[in-house]
Amino acid sequence: MVWLGTFQKQPQDDGVYLLKGFDTTWRQLKEAMDLAAGKTAKMLELPEALTEDEMAAYGLSPFAVKTMTVNRIWKDDKIRKLGFATKYSLTDAVEAEVRDLLSRKRTSENSGIL
């Protein structure tokens, strides 16, 4: 957010900027999360084209299927060409988030909030 807030864009540029800093796939994200959590989550390989009946069997909406079958989650070419550079690696960011989520879970369990 700091990079975008200080970026001097052209007044006529009303483009949309997706900030994240990792050009990654769903599989790479899952593997980073597995590593950070210290366990391997089950992975479901979806066929290329699901019928409505298959989507229902998997419990998936058409939006979920479309989202989860796109190879690249985020594409940051636009902001990188303008000078954006990541500060943390995907592994660092995922590990920090998993630690935060686990800490929140422990806090809520200890306080009786579930």
PDB file of N, CA and C in Angstrom:
ATOM      1  N   MET A   1       0.830  -1.192   0.000  1.00  0.00           N
ATOM      2  CA  MET A   1       0.000   0.000   0.000  1.00  0.00           C
ATOM      3  C   MET A   1       0.870   1.250   0.000  1.00  0.00           C
ATOM      4  N   VAL A   2       1.997   1.214   0.680  1.00  0.00           N
ATOM      5  CA  VAL A   2       2.880   2.377   0.702  1.00  0.00           C
ATOM      6  C   VAL A   2       3.363   2.685  -0.707  1.00  0.00           C
ATOM      7  N   TRP A   3       3.758   1.646  -1.446  1.00  0.00           N
ATOM      8  CA  TRP A   3       4.230   1.860  -2.814  1.00  0.00           C
ATOM      9  C   TRP A   3       3.160   2.540  -3.652  1.00  0.00           C
ATOM     10  N   LEU A   4       1.933   2.041  -3.615  1.00  0.00           N
ATOM     11  CA  LEU A   4       0.866   2.633  -4.422  1.00  0.00           C
ATOM     12  C   LEU A   4       0.537   4.037  -3.941  1.00  0.00           C
ATOM     13  N   GLY A   5       0.540   4.258  -2.645  1.00  0.00           N
ATOM     14  CA  GLY A   5       0.230   5.569  -2.106  1.00  0.00           C
ATOM     15  C   GLY A   5       1.227   6.640  -2.484  1.00  0.00           C
ATOM     16  N   THR A   6       2.456   6.230  -2.759  1.00  0.00           N
ATOM     17  CA  THR A   6       3.486   7.204  -3.116  1.00  0.00           C
ATOM     18  C   THR A   6       3.802   7.201  -4.606  1.00  0.00           C
ATOM     19  N   PHE A   7       3.179   6.307  -5.367  1.00  0.00           N
ATOM     20  CA  PHE A   7       3.432   6.230  -6.804  1.00  0.00           C
ATOM     21  C   PHE A   7       2.786   7.415  -7.510  1.00  0.00           C
ATOM     22  N   GLN A   8       3.571   8.119  -8.324  1.00  0.00           N
ATOM     23  CA  GLN A   8       3.076   9.292  -9.037  1.00  0.00           C
ATOM     24  C   GLN A   8       2.487   8.866 -10.375  1.00  0.00           C
ATOM     25  N   LYS A   9       1.219   8.485 -10.376  1.00  0.00           N
ATOM     26  CA  LYS A   9       0.591   8.047 -11.613  1.00  0.00           C
ATOM     27  C   LYS A   9       0.089   9.237 -12.412  1.00  0.00           C
ATOM     28  N   GLN A  10      -0.102   9.013 -13.697  1.00  0.00           N
ATOM     29  CA  GLN A  10      -0.610  10.053 -14.582  1.00  0.00           C
ATOM     30  C   GLN A  10      -2.056  10.368 -14.203  1.00  0.00           C
ATOM     31  N   PRO A  11      -2.466  11.648 -14.257  1.00  0.00           N
ATOM     32  CA  PRO A  11      -3.842  12.022 -13.882  1.00  0.00           C
ATOM     33  C   PRO A  11      -4.917  11.276 -14.677  1.00  0.00           C
ATOM     34  N   GLN A  12      -4.644  10.964 -15.935  1.00  0.00           N
ATOM     35  CA  GLN A  12      -5.640  10.273 -16.752  1.00  0.00           C
ATOM     36  C   GLN A  12      -5.642   8.756 -16.515  1.00  0.00           C
ATOM     37  N   ASP A  13      -4.701   8.257 -15.721  1.00  0.00           N
ATOM     38  CA  ASP A  13      -4.615   6.819 -15.449  1.00  0.00           C
ATOM     39  C   ASP A  13      -5.626   6.441 -14.377  1.00  0.00           C
ATOM     40  N   ASP A  14      -6.684   5.765 -14.785  1.00  0.00           N
ATOM     41  CA  ASP A  14      -7.676   5.293 -13.812  1.00  0.00           C
ATOM     42  C   ASP A  14      -7.606   3.773 -13.689  1.00  0.00           C
ATOM     43  N   GLY A  15      -6.419   3.234 -13.967  1.00  0.00           N
ATOM     44  CA  GLY A  15      -6.216   1.796 -13.929  1.00  0.00           C
ATOM     45  C   GLY A  15      -6.393   1.214 -12.541  1.00  0.00           C
ATOM     46  N   VAL A  16      -6.627  -0.059 -12.500  1.00  0.00           N
ATOM     47  CA  VAL A  16      -6.784  -0.786 -11.251  1.00  0.00           C
ATOM     48  C   VAL A  16      -5.464  -1.477 -10.946  1.00  0.00           C
ATOM     49  N   TYR A  17      -5.024  -1.369  -9.720  1.00  0.00           N
ATOM     50  CA  TYR A  17      -3.779  -1.997  -9.300  1.00  0.00           C
ATOM     51  C   TYR A  17      -4.090  -3.054  -8.249  1.00  0.00           C
ATOM     52  N   LEU A  18      -3.685  -4.269  -8.527  1.00  0.00           N
ATOM     53  CA  LEU A  18      -3.834  -5.351  -7.574  1.00  0.00           C
ATOM     54  C   LEU A  18      -2.498  -5.487  -6.858  1.00  0.00           C
ATOM     55  N   LEU A  19      -2.479  -5.178  -5.577  1.00  0.00           N
ATOM     56  CA  LEU A  19      -1.240  -5.245  -4.812  1.00  0.00           C
ATOM     57  C   LEU A  19      -1.131  -6.583  -4.104  1.00  0.00           C
ATOM     58  N   LYS A  20      -0.024  -7.227  -4.290  1.00  0.00           N
ATOM     59  CA  LYS A  20       0.248  -8.454  -3.562  1.00  0.00           C
ATOM     60  C   LYS A  20       1.717  -8.796  -3.616  1.00  0.00           C
ATOM     61  N   GLY A  21       2.322  -8.776  -4.776  1.00  0.00           N
ATOM     62  CA  GLY A  21       3.751  -8.983  -4.862  1.00  0.00           C
ATOM     63  C   GLY A  21       4.224 -10.401  -5.080  1.00  0.00           C
ATOM     64  N   PHE A  22       3.342 -11.330  -5.364  1.00  0.00           N
ATOM     65  CA  PHE A  22       3.773 -12.697  -5.626  1.00  0.00           C
ATOM     66  C   PHE A  22       3.083 -13.199  -6.879  1.00  0.00           C
ATOM     67  N   ASP A  23       3.848 -13.580  -7.867  1.00  0.00           N
ATOM     68  CA  ASP A  23       3.298 -14.217  -9.051  1.00  0.00           C
ATOM     69  C   ASP A  23       3.330 -15.706  -8.736  1.00  0.00           C
ATOM     70  N   THR A  24       2.198 -16.239  -8.323  1.00  0.00           N
ATOM     71  CA  THR A  24       2.168 -17.598  -7.793  1.00  0.00           C
ATOM     72  C   THR A  24       0.974 -18.372  -8.313  1.00  0.00           C
ATOM     73  N   THR A  25       1.054 -19.674  -8.195  1.00  0.00           N
ATOM     74  CA  THR A  25      -0.061 -20.538  -8.567  1.00  0.00           C
ATOM     75  C   THR A  25      -0.762 -21.010  -7.291  1.00  0.00           C
ATOM     76  N   TRP A  26      -1.956 -21.567  -7.465  1.00  0.00           N
ATOM     77  CA  TRP A  26      -2.679 -22.141  -6.314  1.00  0.00           C
ATOM     78  C   TRP A  26      -1.835 -23.242  -5.678  1.00  0.00           C
ATOM     79  N   ARG A  27      -1.198 -24.061  -6.500  1.00  0.00           N
ATOM     80  CA  ARG A  27      -0.384 -25.167  -5.960  1.00  0.00           C
ATOM     81  C   ARG A  27       0.776 -24.620  -5.127  1.00  0.00           C
ATOM     82  N   GLN A  28       1.459 -23.577  -5.614  1.00  0.00           N
ATOM     83  CA  GLN A  28       2.572 -22.995  -4.857  1.00  0.00           C
ATOM     84  C   GLN A  28       2.079 -22.401  -3.532  1.00  0.00           C
ATOM     85  N   LEU A  29       0.919 -21.754  -3.573  1.00  0.00           N
ATOM     86  CA  LEU A  29       0.353 -21.200  -2.344  1.00  0.00           C
ATOM     87  C   LEU A  29       0.011 -22.308  -1.363  1.00  0.00           C
ATOM     88  N   LYS A  30      -0.618 -23.377  -1.843  1.00  0.00           N
ATOM     89  CA  LYS A  30      -0.962 -24.518  -0.987  1.00  0.00           C
ATOM     90  C   LYS A  30       0.295 -25.128  -0.367  1.00  0.00           C
ATOM     91  N   GLU A  31       1.346 -25.309  -1.186  1.00  0.00           N
ATOM     92  CA  GLU A  31       2.578 -25.906  -0.677  1.00  0.00           C
ATOM     93  C   GLU A  31       3.227 -25.020   0.387  1.00  0.00           C
ATOM     94  N   ALA A  32       3.193 -23.710   0.200  1.00  0.00           N
ATOM     95  CA  ALA A  32       3.743 -22.788   1.205  1.00  0.00           C
ATOM     96  C   ALA A  32       2.930 -22.858   2.490  1.00  0.00           C
ATOM     97  N   MET A  33       1.604 -22.967   2.357  1.00  0.00           N
ATOM     98  CA  MET A  33       0.738 -23.071   3.539  1.00  0.00           C
ATOM     99  C   MET A  33       0.979 -24.390   4.265  1.00  0.00           C
ATOM    100  N   ASP A  34       1.123 -25.481   3.513  1.00  0.00           N
ATOM    101  CA  ASP A  34       1.416 -26.780   4.122  1.00  0.00           C
ATOM    102  C   ASP A  34       2.717 -26.721   4.916  1.00  0.00           C
ATOM    103  N   LEU A  35       3.737 -26.139   4.311  1.00  0.00           N
ATOM    104  CA  LEU A  35       5.038 -26.032   4.969  1.00  0.00           C
ATOM    105  C   LEU A  35       4.937 -25.204   6.252  1.00  0.00           C
ATOM    106  N   ALA A  36       4.251 -24.079   6.166  1.00  0.00           N
ATOM    107  CA  ALA A  36       4.120 -23.196   7.334  1.00  0.00           C
ATOM    108  C   ALA A  36       3.300 -23.840   8.448  1.00  0.00           C
ATOM    109  N   ALA A  37       2.277 -24.603   8.072  1.00  0.00           N
ATOM    110  CA  ALA A  37       1.407 -25.237   9.069  1.00  0.00           C
ATOM    111  C   ALA A  37       2.012 -26.531   9.619  1.00  0.00           C
ATOM    112  N   GLY A  38       3.007 -27.063   8.917  1.00  0.00           N
ATOM    113  CA  GLY A  38       3.636 -28.298   9.368  1.00  0.00           C
ATOM    114  C   GLY A  38       2.806 -29.533   9.092  1.00  0.00           C
ATOM    115  N   LYS A  39       1.877 -29.426   8.160  1.00  0.00           N
ATOM    116  CA  LYS A  39       1.095 -30.602   7.764  1.00  0.00           C
ATOM    117  C   LYS A  39       0.628 -30.406   6.330  1.00  0.00           C
ATOM    118  N   THR A  40       0.299 -31.512   5.683  1.00  0.00           N
ATOM    119  CA  THR A  40      -0.090 -31.462   4.281  1.00  0.00           C
ATOM    120  C   THR A  40      -1.593 -31.626   4.153  1.00  0.00           C
ATOM    121  N   ALA A  41      -2.232 -30.607   3.600  1.00  0.00           N
ATOM    122  CA  ALA A  41      -3.672 -30.654   3.372  1.00  0.00           C
ATOM    123  C   ALA A  41      -3.957 -31.488   2.122  1.00  0.00           C
ATOM    124  N   LYS A  42      -5.086 -32.136   2.134  1.00  0.00           N
ATOM    125  CA  LYS A  42      -5.508 -32.930   0.985  1.00  0.00           C
ATOM    126  C   LYS A  42      -5.754 -32.003  -0.198  1.00  0.00           C
ATOM    127  N   MET A  43      -5.391 -32.460  -1.387  1.00  0.00           N
ATOM    128  CA  MET A  43      -5.587 -31.661  -2.585  1.00  0.00           C
ATOM    129  C   MET A  43      -6.577 -32.374  -3.495  1.00  0.00           C
ATOM    130  N   LEU A  44      -7.458 -31.606  -4.056  1.00  0.00           N
ATOM    131  CA  LEU A  44      -8.460 -32.133  -4.967  1.00  0.00           C
ATOM    132  C   LEU A  44      -8.132 -31.660  -6.368  1.00  0.00           C
ATOM    133  N   GLU A  45      -7.842 -32.584  -7.261  1.00  0.00           N
ATOM    134  CA  GLU A  45      -7.565 -32.243  -8.662  1.00  0.00           C
ATOM    135  C   GLU A  45      -8.895 -32.198  -9.398  1.00  0.00           C
ATOM    136  N   LEU A  46      -9.240 -31.029  -9.914  1.00  0.00           N
ATOM    137  CA  LEU A  46     -10.492 -30.873 -10.644  1.00  0.00           C
ATOM    138  C   LEU A  46     -10.291 -31.169 -12.122  1.00  0.00           C
ATOM    139  N   PRO A  47     -11.244 -31.876 -12.741  1.00  0.00           N
ATOM    140  CA  PRO A  47     -11.162 -32.089 -14.186  1.00  0.00           C
ATOM    141  C   PRO A  47     -11.230 -30.737 -14.918  1.00  0.00           C
ATOM    142  N   GLU A  48     -10.745 -30.715 -16.157  1.00  0.00           N
ATOM    143  CA  GLU A  48     -10.725 -29.473 -16.952  1.00  0.00           C
ATOM    144  C   GLU A  48     -12.090 -28.813 -17.046  1.00  0.00           C
ATOM    145  N   ALA A  49     -13.096 -29.566 -17.451  1.00  0.00           N
ATOM    146  CA  ALA A  49     -14.441 -28.988 -17.636  1.00  0.00           C
ATOM    147  C   ALA A  49     -15.433 -29.805 -16.813  1.00  0.00           C
ATOM    148  N   LEU A  50     -15.978 -29.195 -15.777  1.00  0.00           N
ATOM    149  CA  LEU A  50     -16.935 -29.878 -14.917  1.00  0.00           C
ATOM    150  C   LEU A  50     -18.361 -29.632 -15.408  1.00  0.00           C
ATOM    151  N   THR A  51     -19.171 -30.666 -15.358  1.00  0.00           N
ATOM    152  CA  THR A  51     -20.590 -30.494 -15.659  1.00  0.00           C
ATOM    153  C   THR A  51     -21.263 -29.922 -14.415  1.00  0.00           C
ATOM    154  N   GLU A  52     -22.495 -29.479 -14.563  1.00  0.00           N
ATOM    155  CA  GLU A  52     -23.230 -28.962 -13.399  1.00  0.00           C
ATOM    156  C   GLU A  52     -23.394 -30.043 -12.342  1.00  0.00           C
ATOM    157  N   ASP A  53     -23.637 -31.288 -12.771  1.00  0.00           N
ATOM    158  CA  ASP A  53     -23.780 -32.394 -11.818  1.00  0.00           C
ATOM    159  C   ASP A  53     -22.476 -32.640 -11.055  1.00  0.00           C
ATOM    160  N   GLU A  54     -21.340 -32.564 -11.772  1.00  0.00           N
ATOM    161  CA  GLU A  54     -20.046 -32.758 -11.106  1.00  0.00           C
ATOM    162  C   GLU A  54     -19.771 -31.625 -10.113  1.00  0.00           C
ATOM    163  N   MET A  55     -20.105 -30.379 -10.517  1.00  0.00           N
ATOM    164  CA  MET A  55     -19.925 -29.254  -9.589  1.00  0.00           C
ATOM    165  C   MET A  55     -20.746 -29.475  -8.323  1.00  0.00           C
ATOM    166  N   ALA A  56     -21.977 -29.925  -8.500  1.00  0.00           N
ATOM    167  CA  ALA A  56     -22.845 -30.186  -7.349  1.00  0.00           C
ATOM    168  C   ALA A  56     -22.253 -31.291  -6.478  1.00  0.00           C
ATOM    169  N   ALA A  57     -21.706 -32.339  -7.105  1.00  0.00           N
ATOM    170  CA  ALA A  57     -21.108 -33.441  -6.346  1.00  0.00           C
ATOM    171  C   ALA A  57     -19.908 -32.976  -5.522  1.00  0.00           C
ATOM    172  N   TYR A  58     -19.123 -32.050  -6.070  1.00  0.00           N
ATOM    173  CA  TYR A  58     -17.979 -31.497  -5.346  1.00  0.00           C
ATOM    174  C   TYR A  58     -18.396 -30.392  -4.380  1.00  0.00           C
ATOM    175  N   GLY A  59     -19.643 -29.928  -4.482  1.00  0.00           N
ATOM    176  CA  GLY A  59     -20.112 -28.840  -3.639  1.00  0.00           C
ATOM    177  C   GLY A  59     -19.526 -27.497  -4.057  1.00  0.00           C
ATOM    178  N   LEU A  60     -19.342 -27.316  -5.357  1.00  0.00           N
ATOM    179  CA  LEU A  60     -18.712 -26.105  -5.878  1.00  0.00           C
ATOM    180  C   LEU A  60     -19.674 -25.296  -6.738  1.00  0.00           C
ATOM    181  N   SER A  61     -19.535 -23.989  -6.660  1.00  0.00           N
ATOM    182  CA  SER A  61     -20.304 -23.101  -7.534  1.00  0.00           C
ATOM    183  C   SER A  61     -19.507 -22.885  -8.821  1.00  0.00           C
ATOM    184  N   PRO A  62     -20.157 -22.432  -9.890  1.00  0.00           N
ATOM    185  CA  PRO A  62     -19.410 -22.117 -11.119  1.00  0.00           C
ATOM    186  C   PRO A  62     -18.300 -21.073 -10.859  1.00  0.00           C
ATOM    187  N   PHE A  63     -18.578 -20.094  -9.989  1.00  0.00           N
ATOM    188  CA  PHE A  63     -17.571 -19.081  -9.659  1.00  0.00           C
ATOM    189  C   PHE A  63     -16.357 -19.729  -8.984  1.00  0.00           C
ATOM    190  N   ALA A  64     -16.606 -20.634  -8.032  1.00  0.00           N
ATOM    191  CA  ALA A  64     -15.500 -21.303  -7.336  1.00  0.00           C
ATOM    192  C   ALA A  64     -14.657 -22.111  -8.318  1.00  0.00           C
ATOM    193  N   VAL A  65     -15.318 -22.808  -9.226  1.00  0.00           N
ATOM    194  CA  VAL A  65     -14.592 -23.613 -10.219  1.00  0.00           C
ATOM    195  C   VAL A  65     -13.735 -22.710 -11.093  1.00  0.00           C
ATOM    196  N   LYS A  66     -14.323 -21.620 -11.572  1.00  0.00           N
ATOM    197  CA  LYS A  66     -13.571 -20.703 -12.428  1.00  0.00           C
ATOM    198  C   LYS A  66     -12.377 -20.121 -11.679  1.00  0.00           C
ATOM    199  N   THR A  67     -12.587 -19.726 -10.433  1.00  0.00           N
ATOM    200  CA  THR A  67     -11.525 -19.139  -9.627  1.00  0.00           C
ATOM    201  C   THR A  67     -10.412 -20.145  -9.346  1.00  0.00           C
ATOM    202  N   MET A  68     -10.785 -21.353  -8.960  1.00  0.00           N
ATOM    203  CA  MET A  68      -9.794 -22.337  -8.535  1.00  0.00           C
ATOM    204  C   MET A  68      -9.097 -23.050  -9.687  1.00  0.00           C
ATOM    205  N   THR A  69      -9.566 -22.863 -10.915  1.00  0.00           N
ATOM    206  CA  THR A  69      -8.911 -23.522 -12.048  1.00  0.00           C
ATOM    207  C   THR A  69      -8.054 -22.556 -12.861  1.00  0.00           C
ATOM    208  N   VAL A  70      -7.982 -21.293 -12.431  1.00  0.00           N
ATOM    209  CA  VAL A  70      -7.076 -20.347 -13.073  1.00  0.00           C
ATOM    210  C   VAL A  70      -5.685 -20.640 -12.536  1.00  0.00           C
ATOM    211  N   ASN A  71      -4.731 -20.844 -13.433  1.00  0.00           N
ATOM    212  CA  ASN A  71      -3.389 -21.236 -13.003  1.00  0.00           C
ATOM    213  C   ASN A  71      -2.722 -20.178 -12.137  1.00  0.00           C
ATOM    214  N   ARG A  72      -2.765 -18.933 -12.554  1.00  0.00           N
ATOM    215  CA  ARG A  72      -2.133 -17.866 -11.794  1.00  0.00           C
ATOM    216  C   ARG A  72      -3.163 -17.165 -10.942  1.00  0.00           C
ATOM    217  N   ILE A  73      -2.917 -17.083  -9.642  1.00  0.00           N
ATOM    218  CA  ILE A  73      -3.844 -16.418  -8.747  1.00  0.00           C
ATOM    219  C   ILE A  73      -3.763 -14.914  -8.975  1.00  0.00           C
ATOM    220  N   TRP A  74      -2.567 -14.402  -8.971  1.00  0.00           N
ATOM    221  CA  TRP A  74      -2.352 -12.968  -9.111  1.00  0.00           C
ATOM    222  C   TRP A  74      -1.329 -12.735 -10.197  1.00  0.00           C
ATOM    223  N   LYS A  75      -1.516 -11.694 -10.912  1.00  0.00           N
ATOM    224  CA  LYS A  75      -0.541 -11.306 -11.932  1.00  0.00           C
ATOM    225  C   LYS A  75      -0.141  -9.869 -11.624  1.00  0.00           C
ATOM    226  N   ASP A  76       1.122  -9.653 -11.329  1.00  0.00           N
ATOM    227  CA  ASP A  76       1.561  -8.333 -10.882  1.00  0.00           C
ATOM    228  C   ASP A  76       2.487  -7.635 -11.872  1.00  0.00           C
ATOM    229  N   ASP A  77       2.422  -8.032 -13.135  1.00  0.00           N
ATOM    230  CA  ASP A  77       3.302  -7.430 -14.143  1.00  0.00           C
ATOM    231  C   ASP A  77       3.169  -5.913 -14.190  1.00  0.00           C
ATOM    232  N   LYS A  78       1.951  -5.392 -14.115  1.00  0.00           N
ATOM    233  CA  LYS A  78       1.718  -3.954 -14.252  1.00  0.00           C
ATOM    234  C   LYS A  78       2.462  -3.164 -13.178  1.00  0.00           C
ATOM    235  N   ILE A  79       2.321  -3.564 -11.921  1.00  0.00           N
ATOM    236  CA  ILE A  79       2.973  -2.795 -10.860  1.00  0.00           C
ATOM    237  C   ILE A  79       4.483  -3.033 -10.836  1.00  0.00           C
ATOM    238  N   ARG A  80       4.938  -4.212 -11.223  1.00  0.00           N
ATOM    239  CA  ARG A  80       6.381  -4.463 -11.257  1.00  0.00           C
ATOM    240  C   ARG A  80       7.058  -3.611 -12.337  1.00  0.00           C
ATOM    241  N   LYS A  81       6.403  -3.470 -13.486  1.00  0.00           N
ATOM    242  CA  LYS A  81       6.952  -2.631 -14.558  1.00  0.00           C
ATOM    243  C   LYS A  81       7.051  -1.176 -14.122  1.00  0.00           C
ATOM    244  N   LEU A  82       6.224  -0.775 -13.175  1.00  0.00           N
ATOM    245  CA  LEU A  82       6.241   0.599 -12.675  1.00  0.00           C
ATOM    246  C   LEU A  82       7.208   0.792 -11.511  1.00  0.00           C
ATOM    247  N   GLY A  83       7.888  -0.289 -11.100  1.00  0.00           N
ATOM    248  CA  GLY A  83       8.900  -0.162 -10.061  1.00  0.00           C
ATOM    249  C   GLY A  83       8.612  -0.862  -8.747  1.00  0.00           C
ATOM    250  N   PHE A  84       7.457  -1.518  -8.616  1.00  0.00           N
ATOM    251  CA  PHE A  84       7.140  -2.215  -7.376  1.00  0.00           C
ATOM    252  C   PHE A  84       8.059  -3.427  -7.207  1.00  0.00           C
ATOM    253  N   ALA A  85       8.534  -3.643  -6.005  1.00  0.00           N
ATOM    254  CA  ALA A  85       9.323  -4.830  -5.677  1.00  0.00           C
ATOM    255  C   ALA A  85       8.825  -5.379  -4.346  1.00  0.00           C
ATOM    256  N   THR A  86       8.795  -6.681  -4.236  1.00  0.00           N
ATOM    257  CA  THR A  86       8.322  -7.286  -2.992  1.00  0.00           C
ATOM    258  C   THR A  86       9.348  -7.072  -1.885  1.00  0.00           C
ATOM    259  N   LYS A  87       8.823  -6.980  -0.681  1.00  0.00           N
ATOM    260  CA  LYS A  87       9.682  -6.829   0.491  1.00  0.00           C
ATOM    261  C   LYS A  87       9.899  -8.183   1.159  1.00  0.00           C
ATOM    262  N   TYR A  88       8.890  -9.052   1.074  1.00  0.00           N
ATOM    263  CA  TYR A  88       8.947 -10.369   1.707  1.00  0.00           C
ATOM    264  C   TYR A  88       8.686 -11.441   0.661  1.00  0.00           C
ATOM    265  N   SER A  89       9.211 -12.622   0.892  1.00  0.00           N
ATOM    266  CA  SER A  89       8.965 -13.738  -0.021  1.00  0.00           C
ATOM    267  C   SER A  89       7.582 -14.319   0.254  1.00  0.00           C
ATOM    268  N   LEU A  90       7.088 -15.120  -0.666  1.00  0.00           N
ATOM    269  CA  LEU A  90       5.809 -15.812  -0.466  1.00  0.00           C
ATOM    270  C   LEU A  90       5.889 -16.656   0.798  1.00  0.00           C
ATOM    271  N   THR A  91       6.986 -17.370   0.980  1.00  0.00           N
ATOM    272  CA  THR A  91       7.152 -18.212   2.168  1.00  0.00           C
ATOM    273  C   THR A  91       7.095 -17.382   3.440  1.00  0.00           C
ATOM    274  N   ASP A  92       7.804 -16.251   3.470  1.00  0.00           N
ATOM    275  CA  ASP A  92       7.789 -15.385   4.660  1.00  0.00           C
ATOM    276  C   ASP A  92       6.377 -14.890   4.957  1.00  0.00           C
ATOM    277  N   ALA A  93       5.679 -14.440   3.915  1.00  0.00           N
ATOM    278  CA  ALA A  93       4.329 -13.902   4.105  1.00  0.00           C
ATOM    279  C   ALA A  93       3.359 -14.978   4.582  1.00  0.00           C
ATOM    280  N   VAL A  94       3.427 -16.159   3.987  1.00  0.00           N
ATOM    281  CA  VAL A  94       2.522 -17.248   4.383  1.00  0.00           C
ATOM    282  C   VAL A  94       2.835 -17.698   5.799  1.00  0.00           C
ATOM    283  N   GLU A  95       4.113 -17.849   6.138  1.00  0.00           N
ATOM    284  CA  GLU A  95       4.471 -18.269   7.493  1.00  0.00           C
ATOM    285  C   GLU A  95       3.967 -17.264   8.527  1.00  0.00           C
ATOM    286  N   ALA A  96       4.105 -15.977   8.251  1.00  0.00           N
ATOM    287  CA  ALA A  96       3.626 -14.956   9.182  1.00  0.00           C
ATOM    288  C   ALA A  96       2.111 -15.039   9.332  1.00  0.00           C
ATOM    289  N   GLU A  97       1.406 -15.241   8.245  1.00  0.00           N
ATOM    290  CA  GLU A  97      -0.057 -15.312   8.305  1.00  0.00           C
ATOM    291  C   GLU A  97      -0.523 -16.573   9.023  1.00  0.00           C
ATOM    292  N   VAL A  98       0.103 -17.701   8.763  1.00  0.00           N
ATOM    293  CA  VAL A  98      -0.275 -18.946   9.441  1.00  0.00           C
ATOM    294  C   VAL A  98      -0.014 -18.808  10.941  1.00  0.00           C
ATOM    295  N   ARG A  99       1.132 -18.242  11.323  1.00  0.00           N
ATOM    296  CA  ARG A  99       1.410 -18.012  12.756  1.00  0.00           C
ATOM    297  C   ARG A  99       0.342 -17.127  13.374  1.00  0.00           C
ATOM    298  N   ASP A 100      -0.054 -16.064  12.655  1.00  0.00           N
ATOM    299  CA  ASP A 100      -1.078 -15.161  13.162  1.00  0.00           C
ATOM    300  C   ASP A 100      -2.413 -15.878  13.330  1.00  0.00           C
ATOM    301  N   LEU A 101      -2.803 -16.655  12.338  1.00  0.00           N
ATOM    302  CA  LEU A 101      -4.077 -17.375  12.424  1.00  0.00           C
ATOM    303  C   LEU A 101      -4.077 -18.398  13.556  1.00  0.00           C
ATOM    304  N   LEU A 102      -2.967 -19.130  13.706  1.00  0.00           N
ATOM    305  CA  LEU A 102      -2.878 -20.109  14.792  1.00  0.00           C
ATOM    306  C   LEU A 102      -2.905 -19.415  16.154  1.00  0.00           C
ATOM    307  N   SER A 103      -2.258 -18.282  16.250  1.00  0.00           N
ATOM    308  CA  SER A 103      -2.265 -17.517  17.497  1.00  0.00           C
ATOM    309  C   SER A 103      -3.681 -17.040  17.826  1.00  0.00           C
ATOM    310  N   ARG A 104      -4.396 -16.552  16.832  1.00  0.00           N
ATOM    311  CA  ARG A 104      -5.780 -16.112  17.047  1.00  0.00           C
ATOM    312  C   ARG A 104      -6.664 -17.283  17.478  1.00  0.00           C
ATOM    313  N   LYS A 105      -6.430 -18.430  16.873  1.00  0.00           N
ATOM    314  CA  LYS A 105      -7.218 -19.617  17.226  1.00  0.00           C
ATOM    315  C   LYS A 105      -6.966 -20.001  18.681  1.00  0.00           C
ATOM    316  N   ARG A 106      -5.696 -20.016  19.078  1.00  0.00           N
ATOM    317  CA  ARG A 106      -5.379 -20.353  20.481  1.00  0.00           C
ATOM    318  C   ARG A 106      -5.983 -19.340  21.437  1.00  0.00           C
ATOM    319  N   THR A 107      -5.918 -18.069  21.097  1.00  0.00           N
ATOM    320  CA  THR A 107      -6.474 -17.020  21.942  1.00  0.00           C
ATOM    321  C   THR A 107      -7.985 -17.198  22.105  1.00  0.00           C
ATOM    322  N   SER A 108      -8.672 -17.468  20.997  1.00  0.00           N
ATOM    323  CA  SER A 108     -10.129 -17.638  21.082  1.00  0.00           C
ATOM    324  C   SER A 108     -10.499 -18.913  21.835  1.00  0.00           C
ATOM    325  N   GLU A 109      -9.710 -19.990  21.674  1.00  0.00           N
ATOM    326  CA  GLU A 109      -9.986 -21.222  22.408  1.00  0.00           C
ATOM    327  C   GLU A 109      -9.766 -21.011  23.902  1.00  0.00           C
ATOM    328  N   ASN A 110      -8.723 -20.289  24.251  1.00  0.00           N
ATOM    329  CA  ASN A 110      -8.430 -20.034  25.662  1.00  0.00           C
ATOM    330  C   ASN A 110      -9.445 -19.119  26.324  1.00  0.00           C
ATOM    331  N   SER A 111     -10.080 -18.270  25.520  1.00  0.00           N
ATOM    332  CA  SER A 111     -11.072 -17.355  26.092  1.00  0.00           C
ATOM    333  C   SER A 111     -12.490 -17.933  26.022  1.00  0.00           C
ATOM    334  N   GLY A 112     -12.593 -19.141  25.467  1.00  0.00           N
ATOM    335  CA  GLY A 112     -13.911 -19.780  25.378  1.00  0.00           C
ATOM    336  C   GLY A 112     -14.719 -19.357  24.175  1.00  0.00           C
ATOM    337  N   ILE A 113     -14.149 -18.573  23.287  1.00  0.00           N
ATOM    338  CA  ILE A 113     -14.830 -18.141  22.061  1.00  0.00           C
ATOM    339  C   ILE A 113     -14.442 -19.091  20.937  1.00  0.00           C
ATOM    340  N   LEU A 114     -15.416 -19.722  20.332  1.00  0.00           N
ATOM    341  CA  LEU A 114     -15.116 -20.619  19.214  1.00  0.00           C
ATOM    342  C   LEU A 114     -15.877 -20.228  17.995  1.00  0.00           C
TER     343      LEU A 114
END
